Amino acid sequence: MTKFKIKKGDMIKVIAGDDKGKTGKVIAVLPKTSQVIVEGCKIAKKTLKPTENEPKGGFISKEMPMSISNVKKAEEK
């Protein structure tokens, strides 16, 4: 298993991809797939099936994992 310098709760900057230039907080690190989930980046719309809690179903916006090579730690000033 590889060790990463980025940990949950770190502030990072996206350096590649659709969200290039955005900064955000790391929600989770997925070491098996070398990916991170960043708050407010790589948002995807997911469908919800109707359930007892959500009788109509609908859509939610959810952060998706992105490659750890696309992010770097943000410089603190």
N, C-alpha and C. Protein backbone atom coordinates (compact mmCIF):
# COMPACT_ATOMS: atom_id res chain seq x y z
N MET A 1 0.84 -1.19 0.00
CA MET A 1 0.00 0.00 0.00
C MET A 1 0.89 1.25 0.00
N THR A 2 0.56 2.19 -0.85
CA THR A 2 1.35 3.42 -0.95
C THR A 2 0.93 4.43 0.10
N LYS A 3 1.88 5.27 0.48
CA LYS A 3 1.61 6.32 1.45
C LYS A 3 1.51 7.64 0.70
N PHE A 4 0.52 8.44 1.05
CA PHE A 4 0.32 9.72 0.38
C PHE A 4 0.59 10.86 1.33
N LYS A 5 0.99 11.99 0.79
CA LYS A 5 1.24 13.18 1.60
C LYS A 5 -0.06 13.93 1.88
N ILE A 6 -1.11 13.59 1.14
CA ILE A 6 -2.41 14.24 1.32
C ILE A 6 -3.26 13.39 2.26
N LYS A 7 -3.85 14.06 3.25
CA LYS A 7 -4.68 13.37 4.23
C LYS A 7 -6.07 14.00 4.29
N LYS A 8 -6.99 13.30 4.91
CA LYS A 8 -8.35 13.80 5.09
C LYS A 8 -8.30 15.10 5.89
N GLY A 9 -9.00 16.13 5.40
CA GLY A 9 -9.04 17.42 6.08
C GLY A 9 -8.06 18.44 5.53
N ASP A 10 -7.10 18.01 4.68
CA ASP A 10 -6.13 18.94 4.09
C ASP A 10 -6.80 19.85 3.06
N MET A 11 -6.29 21.07 2.93
CA MET A 11 -6.73 21.97 1.86
C MET A 11 -5.87 21.68 0.64
N ILE A 12 -6.50 21.45 -0.50
CA ILE A 12 -5.75 21.13 -1.72
C ILE A 12 -6.19 22.04 -2.86
N LYS A 13 -5.39 22.03 -3.93
CA LYS A 13 -5.70 22.77 -5.15
C LYS A 13 -5.70 21.77 -6.29
N VAL A 14 -6.71 21.86 -7.15
CA VAL A 14 -6.81 20.96 -8.30
C VAL A 14 -5.92 21.52 -9.41
N ILE A 15 -4.99 20.68 -9.93
CA ILE A 15 -4.04 21.14 -10.94
C ILE A 15 -4.32 20.58 -12.33
N ALA A 16 -5.33 19.69 -12.45
CA ALA A 16 -5.66 19.13 -13.76
C ALA A 16 -7.13 18.72 -13.78
N GLY A 17 -7.72 18.69 -14.96
CA GLY A 17 -9.10 18.25 -15.11
C GLY A 17 -10.07 19.40 -15.25
N ASP A 18 -11.36 19.08 -15.19
CA ASP A 18 -12.42 20.07 -15.38
C ASP A 18 -12.43 21.14 -14.29
N ASP A 19 -12.06 20.77 -13.07
CA ASP A 19 -12.10 21.70 -11.94
C ASP A 19 -10.75 22.35 -11.67
N LYS A 20 -9.90 22.44 -12.69
CA LYS A 20 -8.55 23.01 -12.53
C LYS A 20 -8.62 24.42 -11.94
N GLY A 21 -7.78 24.65 -10.89
CA GLY A 21 -7.73 25.95 -10.25
C GLY A 21 -8.57 26.06 -9.00
N LYS A 22 -9.51 25.14 -8.80
CA LYS A 22 -10.36 25.18 -7.60
C LYS A 22 -9.58 24.68 -6.39
N THR A 23 -9.95 25.21 -5.22
CA THR A 23 -9.38 24.70 -3.98
C THR A 23 -10.52 24.12 -3.14
N GLY A 24 -10.18 23.13 -2.32
CA GLY A 24 -11.20 22.52 -1.49
C GLY A 24 -10.58 21.65 -0.42
N LYS A 25 -11.44 21.12 0.42
CA LYS A 25 -11.02 20.28 1.54
C LYS A 25 -11.18 18.82 1.15
N VAL A 26 -10.22 17.98 1.54
CA VAL A 26 -10.29 16.56 1.25
C VAL A 26 -11.30 15.90 2.18
N ILE A 27 -12.29 15.24 1.59
CA ILE A 27 -13.31 14.53 2.36
C ILE A 27 -12.83 13.12 2.68
N ALA A 28 -12.20 12.46 1.68
CA ALA A 28 -11.74 11.08 1.88
C ALA A 28 -10.56 10.79 0.96
N VAL A 29 -9.69 9.89 1.41
CA VAL A 29 -8.57 9.41 0.59
C VAL A 29 -8.80 7.93 0.36
N LEU A 30 -8.72 7.50 -0.90
CA LEU A 30 -8.92 6.10 -1.27
C LEU A 30 -7.58 5.52 -1.74
N PRO A 31 -6.78 4.95 -0.83
CA PRO A 31 -5.43 4.51 -1.19
C PRO A 31 -5.38 3.33 -2.17
N LYS A 32 -6.38 2.46 -2.15
CA LYS A 32 -6.36 1.29 -3.05
C LYS A 32 -6.45 1.71 -4.52
N THR A 33 -7.21 2.78 -4.79
CA THR A 33 -7.38 3.23 -6.17
C THR A 33 -6.60 4.51 -6.46
N SER A 34 -5.81 5.00 -5.48
CA SER A 34 -5.03 6.25 -5.61
C SER A 34 -5.92 7.42 -5.99
N GLN A 35 -7.03 7.58 -5.26
CA GLN A 35 -7.96 8.66 -5.54
C GLN A 35 -8.32 9.41 -4.27
N VAL A 36 -8.80 10.65 -4.46
CA VAL A 36 -9.28 11.47 -3.35
C VAL A 36 -10.65 12.02 -3.71
N ILE A 37 -11.44 12.31 -2.68
CA ILE A 37 -12.73 12.98 -2.87
C ILE A 37 -12.59 14.36 -2.26
N VAL A 38 -12.83 15.40 -3.08
CA VAL A 38 -12.64 16.78 -2.66
C VAL A 38 -13.99 17.49 -2.61
N GLU A 39 -14.19 18.25 -1.53
CA GLU A 39 -15.43 18.98 -1.32
C GLU A 39 -15.63 20.01 -2.43
N GLY A 40 -16.75 19.93 -3.14
CA GLY A 40 -17.09 20.91 -4.17
C GLY A 40 -16.44 20.70 -5.52
N CYS A 41 -15.72 19.62 -5.72
CA CYS A 41 -15.06 19.34 -7.00
C CYS A 41 -15.56 18.02 -7.59
N LYS A 42 -15.59 17.96 -8.91
CA LYS A 42 -16.05 16.79 -9.67
C LYS A 42 -17.43 16.35 -9.21
N ILE A 43 -18.38 17.29 -9.30
CA ILE A 43 -19.76 17.04 -8.88
C ILE A 43 -20.49 16.27 -10.00
N ALA A 44 -21.23 15.23 -9.61
CA ALA A 44 -22.03 14.46 -10.56
C ALA A 44 -23.46 14.38 -10.02
N LYS A 45 -24.42 14.38 -10.92
CA LYS A 45 -25.82 14.23 -10.52
C LYS A 45 -26.14 12.75 -10.46
N LYS A 46 -26.64 12.30 -9.32
CA LYS A 46 -27.02 10.91 -9.14
C LYS A 46 -28.53 10.83 -8.94
N THR A 47 -29.13 9.76 -9.45
CA THR A 47 -30.57 9.59 -9.28
C THR A 47 -30.86 8.81 -8.01
N LEU A 48 -31.98 9.15 -7.36
CA LEU A 48 -32.44 8.43 -6.18
C LEU A 48 -33.73 7.70 -6.52
N LYS A 49 -33.76 6.42 -6.21
CA LYS A 49 -34.99 5.66 -6.42
C LYS A 49 -35.99 6.04 -5.33
N PRO A 50 -37.26 5.97 -5.64
CA PRO A 50 -38.26 6.25 -4.60
C PRO A 50 -38.15 5.26 -3.44
N THR A 51 -38.12 5.78 -2.22
CA THR A 51 -38.08 4.96 -1.01
C THR A 51 -39.12 5.49 -0.03
N GLU A 52 -39.17 4.91 1.17
CA GLU A 52 -40.11 5.42 2.18
C GLU A 52 -39.74 6.83 2.60
N ASN A 53 -38.43 7.08 2.74
CA ASN A 53 -37.97 8.42 3.15
C ASN A 53 -38.14 9.45 2.04
N GLU A 54 -37.86 9.05 0.80
CA GLU A 54 -37.98 9.92 -0.38
C GLU A 54 -39.02 9.32 -1.32
N PRO A 55 -40.31 9.56 -1.09
CA PRO A 55 -41.33 8.91 -1.91
C PRO A 55 -41.28 9.26 -3.40
N LYS A 56 -40.79 10.47 -3.74
CA LYS A 56 -40.74 10.87 -5.14
C LYS A 56 -39.42 10.51 -5.81
N GLY A 57 -38.39 10.16 -5.01
CA GLY A 57 -37.08 9.91 -5.61
C GLY A 57 -36.43 11.24 -5.93
N GLY A 58 -35.75 11.32 -7.07
CA GLY A 58 -35.18 12.59 -7.50
C GLY A 58 -33.70 12.50 -7.78
N PHE A 59 -33.02 13.66 -7.68
CA PHE A 59 -31.60 13.75 -7.99
C PHE A 59 -30.85 14.35 -6.81
N ILE A 60 -29.57 13.94 -6.65
CA ILE A 60 -28.68 14.59 -5.69
C ILE A 60 -27.36 14.89 -6.38
N SER A 61 -26.67 15.92 -5.93
CA SER A 61 -25.34 16.23 -6.45
C SER A 61 -24.33 15.62 -5.48
N LYS A 62 -23.39 14.84 -6.04
CA LYS A 62 -22.46 14.10 -5.20
C LYS A 62 -21.03 14.29 -5.73
N GLU A 63 -20.06 14.43 -4.81
CA GLU A 63 -18.66 14.53 -5.21
C GLU A 63 -18.15 13.14 -5.60
N MET A 64 -17.44 13.06 -6.71
CA MET A 64 -16.90 11.80 -7.18
C MET A 64 -15.38 11.78 -6.97
N PRO A 65 -14.79 10.58 -6.87
CA PRO A 65 -13.34 10.50 -6.67
C PRO A 65 -12.57 11.00 -7.89
N MET A 66 -11.40 11.61 -7.63
CA MET A 66 -10.50 12.03 -8.71
C MET A 66 -9.11 11.52 -8.39
N SER A 67 -8.28 11.40 -9.40
CA SER A 67 -6.94 10.87 -9.22
C SER A 67 -6.12 11.79 -8.31
N ILE A 68 -5.32 11.18 -7.46
CA ILE A 68 -4.50 11.95 -6.52
C ILE A 68 -3.42 12.73 -7.25
N SER A 69 -3.11 12.32 -8.49
CA SER A 69 -2.09 13.04 -9.27
C SER A 69 -2.62 14.38 -9.80
N ASN A 70 -3.93 14.58 -9.73
CA ASN A 70 -4.54 15.83 -10.22
C ASN A 70 -4.64 16.89 -9.15
N VAL A 71 -4.15 16.62 -7.94
CA VAL A 71 -4.25 17.59 -6.86
C VAL A 71 -2.89 17.80 -6.20
N LYS A 72 -2.74 18.97 -5.55
CA LYS A 72 -1.56 19.24 -4.74
C LYS A 72 -1.98 20.02 -3.53
N LYS A 73 -1.16 19.99 -2.48
CA LYS A 73 -1.50 20.74 -1.27
C LYS A 73 -1.48 22.23 -1.58
N ALA A 74 -2.46 22.94 -1.05
CA ALA A 74 -2.54 24.38 -1.25
C ALA A 74 -1.55 25.06 -0.32
N GLU A 75 -0.88 26.11 -0.82
CA GLU A 75 0.07 26.85 0.01
C GLU A 75 -0.70 27.68 1.02
N GLU A 76 -0.33 27.58 2.27
CA GLU A 76 -0.97 28.36 3.32
C GLU A 76 -0.20 29.66 3.49
N LYS A 77 -0.94 30.78 3.59
CA LYS A 77 -0.27 32.08 3.70
C LYS A 77 -0.49 32.68 5.05
